[in-house]
Structures are given as structure tokens and as C-alpha cells.
C-alpha atoms as a PDB file:
ATOM      1  CA  MET A   1      17.929  -1.182  11.978  1.00  0.00           C
ATOM      2  CA  ASP A   2      14.483   0.393  11.914  1.00  0.00           C
ATOM      3  CA  TRP A   3      11.739  -2.105  11.053  1.00  0.00           C
ATOM      4  CA  ASN A   4      10.321   0.002   8.197  1.00  0.00           C
ATOM      5  CA  VAL A   5      13.745   0.161   6.571  1.00  0.00           C
ATOM      6  CA  LEU A   6      14.300  -3.555   7.095  1.00  0.00           C
ATOM      7  CA  GLU A   7      10.871  -4.414   5.690  1.00  0.00           C
ATOM      8  CA  THR A   8      11.588  -2.346   2.575  1.00  0.00           C
ATOM      9  CA  LYS A   9      14.907  -4.131   2.165  1.00  0.00           C
ATOM     10  CA  ILE A  10      13.199  -7.517   2.544  1.00  0.00           C
ATOM     11  CA  LYS A  11      10.675  -6.660  -0.167  1.00  0.00           C
ATOM     12  CA  SER A  12      13.491  -5.496  -2.441  1.00  0.00           C
ATOM     13  CA  TRP A  13      15.516  -8.634  -1.722  1.00  0.00           C
ATOM     14  CA  LEU A  14      12.549 -10.909  -2.464  1.00  0.00           C
ATOM     15  CA  HIS A  15      12.160  -9.255  -5.856  1.00  0.00           C
ATOM     16  CA  ALA A  16      15.899  -9.045  -6.589  1.00  0.00           C
ATOM     17  CA  VAL A  17      16.787 -12.625  -5.655  1.00  0.00           C
ATOM     18  CA  LYS A  18      14.439 -14.041  -8.281  1.00  0.00           C
ATOM     19  CA  ILE A  19      15.795 -11.769 -11.008  1.00  0.00           C
ATOM     20  CA  ALA A  20      19.410 -12.280  -9.977  1.00  0.00           C
ATOM     21  CA  LEU A  21      19.142 -16.063  -9.967  1.00  0.00           C
ATOM     22  CA  LYS A  22      16.956 -16.625 -12.988  1.00  0.00           C
ATOM     23  CA  ASN A  23      18.624 -14.009 -15.166  1.00  0.00           C
ATOM     24  CA  MET A  24      22.002 -12.761 -14.035  1.00  0.00           C
ATOM     25  CA  PHE A  25      23.594 -15.841 -12.431  1.00  0.00           C
ATOM     26  CA  TYR A  26      21.902 -18.337 -14.754  1.00  0.00           C
ATOM     27  CA  ASP A  27      22.893 -16.452 -17.911  1.00  0.00           C
ATOM     28  CA  GLU A  28      26.428 -15.920 -16.647  1.00  0.00           C
ATOM     29  CA  ARG A  29      26.760 -19.609 -15.875  1.00  0.00           C
ATOM     30  CA  ILE A  30      25.566 -20.562 -19.382  1.00  0.00           C
ATOM     31  CA  LEU A  31      27.929 -18.037 -20.950  1.00  0.00           C
ATOM     32  CA  CYS A  32      30.937 -19.320 -18.994  1.00  0.00           C
ATOM     33  CA  ASP A  33      30.043 -22.926 -19.778  1.00  0.00           C
ATOM     34  CA  SER A  34      29.679 -22.095 -23.496  1.00  0.00           C
ATOM     35  CA  VAL A  35      32.761 -19.942 -23.906  1.00  0.00           C
ATOM     36  CA  PHE A  36      34.968 -22.325 -21.943  1.00  0.00           C
ATOM     37  CA  SER A  37      33.324 -25.567 -23.054  1.00  0.00           C
ATOM     38  CA  SER A  38      36.721 -27.114 -23.713  1.00  0.00           C
ATOM     39  CA  SER A  39      37.684 -26.887 -20.036  1.00  0.00           C
ATOM     40  CA  GLU A  40      35.241 -27.335 -17.167  1.00  0.00           C
ATOM     41  CA  LYS A  41      37.871 -26.114 -14.686  1.00  0.00           C
ATOM     42  CA  ILE A  42      38.306 -22.831 -16.551  1.00  0.00           C
ATOM     43  CA  ALA A  43      34.524 -22.402 -16.854  1.00  0.00           C
ATOM     44  CA  GLU A  44      34.164 -23.062 -13.124  1.00  0.00           C
ATOM     45  CA  SER A  45      36.967 -20.677 -12.238  1.00  0.00           C
ATOM     46  CA  CYS A  46      35.592 -17.945 -14.488  1.00  0.00           C
ATOM     47  CA  PHE A  47      32.042 -18.254 -13.155  1.00  0.00           C
ATOM     48  CA  ALA A  48      33.273 -18.352  -9.552  1.00  0.00           C
ATOM     49  CA  GLU A  49      35.348 -15.215 -10.046  1.00  0.00           C
ATOM     50  CA  ILE A  50      32.538 -13.343 -11.783  1.00  0.00           C
ATOM     51  CA  SER A  51      29.747 -14.323  -9.400  1.00  0.00           C
ATOM     52  CA  ARG A  52      31.467 -14.603  -6.003  1.00  0.00           C
ATOM     53  CA  ASP A  53      30.965 -11.082  -4.613  1.00  0.00           C
ATOM     54  CA  ALA A  54      27.432 -10.669  -5.928  1.00  0.00           C
ATOM     55  CA  ALA A  55      26.365 -14.079  -4.608  1.00  0.00           C
ATOM     56  CA  ILE A  56      27.861 -13.446  -1.189  1.00  0.00           C
ATOM     57  CA  ASN A  57      26.049 -10.119  -0.960  1.00  0.00           C
ATOM     58  CA  LEU A  58      22.777 -11.565  -2.219  1.00  0.00           C
ATOM     59  CA  PHE A  59      22.794 -14.685  -0.055  1.00  0.00           C
ATOM     60  CA  GLY A  60      24.114 -12.816   2.979  1.00  0.00           C
ATOM     61  CA  PHE A  61      20.926 -10.805   3.426  1.00  0.00           C
ATOM     62  CA  PRO A  62      18.837 -13.555   5.080  1.00  0.00           C
ATOM     63  CA  GLU A  63      21.638 -13.958   7.622  1.00  0.00           C
ATOM     64  CA  ILE A  64      21.515 -10.239   8.415  1.00  0.00           C
ATOM     65  CA  PHE A  65      17.765 -10.469   8.929  1.00  0.00           C
ATOM     66  CA  ALA A  66      18.109 -13.568  11.111  1.00  0.00           C
ATOM     67  CA  LYS A  67      20.631 -11.813  13.353  1.00  0.00           C
ATOM     68  CA  SER A  68      18.401  -8.766  13.806  1.00  0.00           C
ATOM     69  CA  LYS A  69      17.468  -8.469  17.475  1.00  0.00           C
ATOM     70  CA  LYS A  70      14.151  -6.738  16.911  1.00  0.00           C
ATOM     71  CA  ILE A  71      12.258  -9.339  14.919  1.00  0.00           C
ATOM     72  CA  LEU A  72       9.726 -10.536  17.429  1.00  0.00           C
ATOM     73  CA  SER A  73       6.308  -9.351  16.297  1.00  0.00           C
ATOM     74  CA  PRO A  74       3.935 -11.446  14.167  1.00  0.00           C
ATOM     75  CA  GLU A  75       4.310  -9.253  11.076  1.00  0.00           C
ATOM     76  CA  LYS A  76       8.051  -9.744  11.288  1.00  0.00           C
ATOM     77  CA  MET A  77       7.532 -13.461  11.598  1.00  0.00           C
ATOM     78  CA  PHE A  78       5.615 -13.402   8.322  1.00  0.00           C
ATOM     79  CA  ARG A  79       8.525 -11.613   6.651  1.00  0.00           C
ATOM     80  CA  ALA A  80      10.838 -14.364   7.927  1.00  0.00           C
ATOM     81  CA  LEU A  81       8.462 -16.877   6.369  1.00  0.00           C
ATOM     82  CA  ASP A  82       8.608 -14.909   3.097  1.00  0.00           C
ATOM     83  CA  LEU A  83      12.411 -15.148   3.103  1.00  0.00           C
ATOM     84  CA  TYR A  84      12.283 -18.850   3.848  1.00  0.00           C
ATOM     85  CA  GLU A  85       9.691 -19.448   1.145  1.00  0.00           C
ATOM     86  CA  ALA A  86      11.771 -17.584  -1.442  1.00  0.00           C
ATOM     87  CA  ILE A  87      14.870 -19.606  -0.558  1.00  0.00           C
ATOM     88  CA  SER A  88      12.896 -22.859  -0.647  1.00  0.00           C
ATOM     89  CA  ASP A  89      11.273 -22.052  -3.990  1.00  0.00           C
ATOM     90  CA  LEU A  90      14.586 -21.053  -5.555  1.00  0.00           C
ATOM     91  CA  TRP A  91      16.662 -23.852  -4.032  1.00  0.00           C
ATOM     92  CA  PRO A  92      16.610 -26.046  -7.193  1.00  0.00           C
ATOM     93  CA  ASP A  93      17.910 -23.058  -9.214  1.00  0.00           C
ATOM     94  CA  ILE A  94      20.549 -22.289  -6.587  1.00  0.00           C
ATOM     95  CA  GLU A  95      21.670 -25.925  -6.613  1.00  0.00           C
ATOM     96  CA  MET A  96      21.887 -26.009 -10.405  1.00  0.00           C
ATOM     97  CA  ILE A  97      23.599 -22.652 -10.932  1.00  0.00           C
ATOM     98  CA  PHE A  98      26.106 -23.046  -8.109  1.00  0.00           C
ATOM     99  CA  SER A  99      26.738 -26.754  -8.627  1.00  0.00           C
ATOM    100  CA  TYR A 100      30.505 -26.425  -8.961  1.00  0.00           C
ATOM    101  CA  ASP A 101      32.374 -27.658  -5.898  1.00  0.00           C
ATOM    102  CA  SER A 102      34.292 -24.393  -5.618  1.00  0.00           C
ATOM    103  CA  LEU A 103      30.971 -22.529  -5.237  1.00  0.00           C
ATOM    104  CA  SER A 104      29.497 -24.592  -2.426  1.00  0.00           C
ATOM    105  CA  ALA A 105      30.646 -22.135   0.249  1.00  0.00           C
ATOM    106  CA  MET A 106      29.037 -19.287  -1.657  1.00  0.00           C
ATOM    107  CA  LYS A 107      25.786 -21.175  -2.045  1.00  0.00           C
ATOM    108  CA  CYS A 108      25.614 -22.036   1.629  1.00  0.00           C
ATOM    109  CA  GLN A 109      26.813 -18.689   2.967  1.00  0.00           C
ATOM    110  CA  GLY A 110      23.469 -17.017   3.511  1.00  0.00           C
ATOM    111  CA  VAL A 111      21.071 -19.791   2.677  1.00  0.00           C
ATOM    112  CA  VAL A 112      22.243 -22.290   5.280  1.00  0.00           C
ATOM    113  CA  MET A 113      23.092 -19.611   7.808  1.00  0.00           C
ATOM    114  CA  PHE A 114      19.493 -18.462   7.690  1.00  0.00           C
ATOM    115  CA  ASP A 115      18.667 -20.869  10.466  1.00  0.00           C
ATOM    116  CA  PHE A 116      14.923 -20.800  10.149  1.00  0.00           C
ATOM    117  CA  LYS A 117      14.159 -22.470  13.475  1.00  0.00           C
ATOM    118  CA  ALA A 118      16.555 -20.267  15.414  1.00  0.00           C
ATOM    119  CA  THR A 119      15.051 -17.183  13.802  1.00  0.00           C
ATOM    120  CA  LEU A 120      11.403 -18.089  14.351  1.00  0.00           C
ATOM    121  CA  ARG A 121      11.659 -19.621  17.828  1.00  0.00           C
ATOM    122  CA  PRO A 122      12.097 -16.264  19.648  1.00  0.00           C
ATOM    123  CA  MET A 123       9.294 -14.744  17.548  1.00  0.00           C
ATOM    124  CA  LEU A 124       6.881 -17.548  18.407  1.00  0.00           C
ATOM    125  CA  SER A 125       7.838 -17.472  22.091  1.00  0.00           C
ATOM    126  CA  TRP A 126       7.295 -13.720  22.262  1.00  0.00           C
ATOM    127  CA  TRP A 127       3.977 -13.980  20.455  1.00  0.00           C
ATOM    128  CA  CYS A 128       2.711 -16.831  22.664  1.00  0.00           C
ATOM    129  CA  ARG A 129       3.691 -15.018  25.878  1.00  0.00           C
ATOM    130  CA  ARG A 130       1.962 -11.917  24.697  1.00  0.00           C
ATOM    131  CA  TRP A 131      -1.319 -13.487  23.607  1.00  0.00           C
ATOM    132  CA  PHE A 132      -1.722 -16.611  25.745  1.00  0.00           C
END
């Protein structure tokens, strides 16, 4: 994928992930918990069914970036740091919204697979070889 396209997608993702978590997923979770307050299992099942595909798509993006073969330059390293920072900042919200056991795979899909060290190590090596 061309870097300019990927950078645009990263900027969009950084904006969208905050809105999706703090509005869409959070509100949906509250709605499911309220409507199905008599049964936590039904509330969990409903929220999982409603949010599964969107969460997988949203949290899968950092993994796509991490697997990109052309992310070696310093400016790309800073974008990786932006992704990591967004995930770190939003982690308490992610933990709270996707706290049901049945959602743990969804929560971890992109977030855990975004292996920060494995993504940055080649970038740092390339940068050090180039400048030192």
C-alpha cells in the first residue's frame, strides 16, 4: 500500500477509534445492559452480536499497519507511535466496554496483535543504519 494512502488511513483511524469507542460501542453497551438488565447473558450475547464485526474491523487496522513491509522511515515510526498511543490512551475504555468474557477475543484481535516492539524494531534498525 502506498505510504500516502496508508498515512491518510492512519489519521482517519485515529479519529474514528475515539468516536467509535466513546460513542458507538459505549452507547450500545449501555443500551444492551439497560434493555436486557434482567439477564446479563442476554445482554452480553446481544452486545457481542451487534458489535462483533465493527470491533474486528476497527481493531484489525493496527495489525494491518504492523504487517506492512514498507514502514521503515522515521515519519512512519512516528505514525506507529501514534497508533500505540491511541491504543494505550483508550485501553481503559476498551477494557470496560468489552469486559464480557465472550468479547475478549474481539478486544485482543487487533490491539494485542499490534506487537509494538516487533513493529518498531525494524524501523529503528533501519534508521540507525542509515544515520549512524
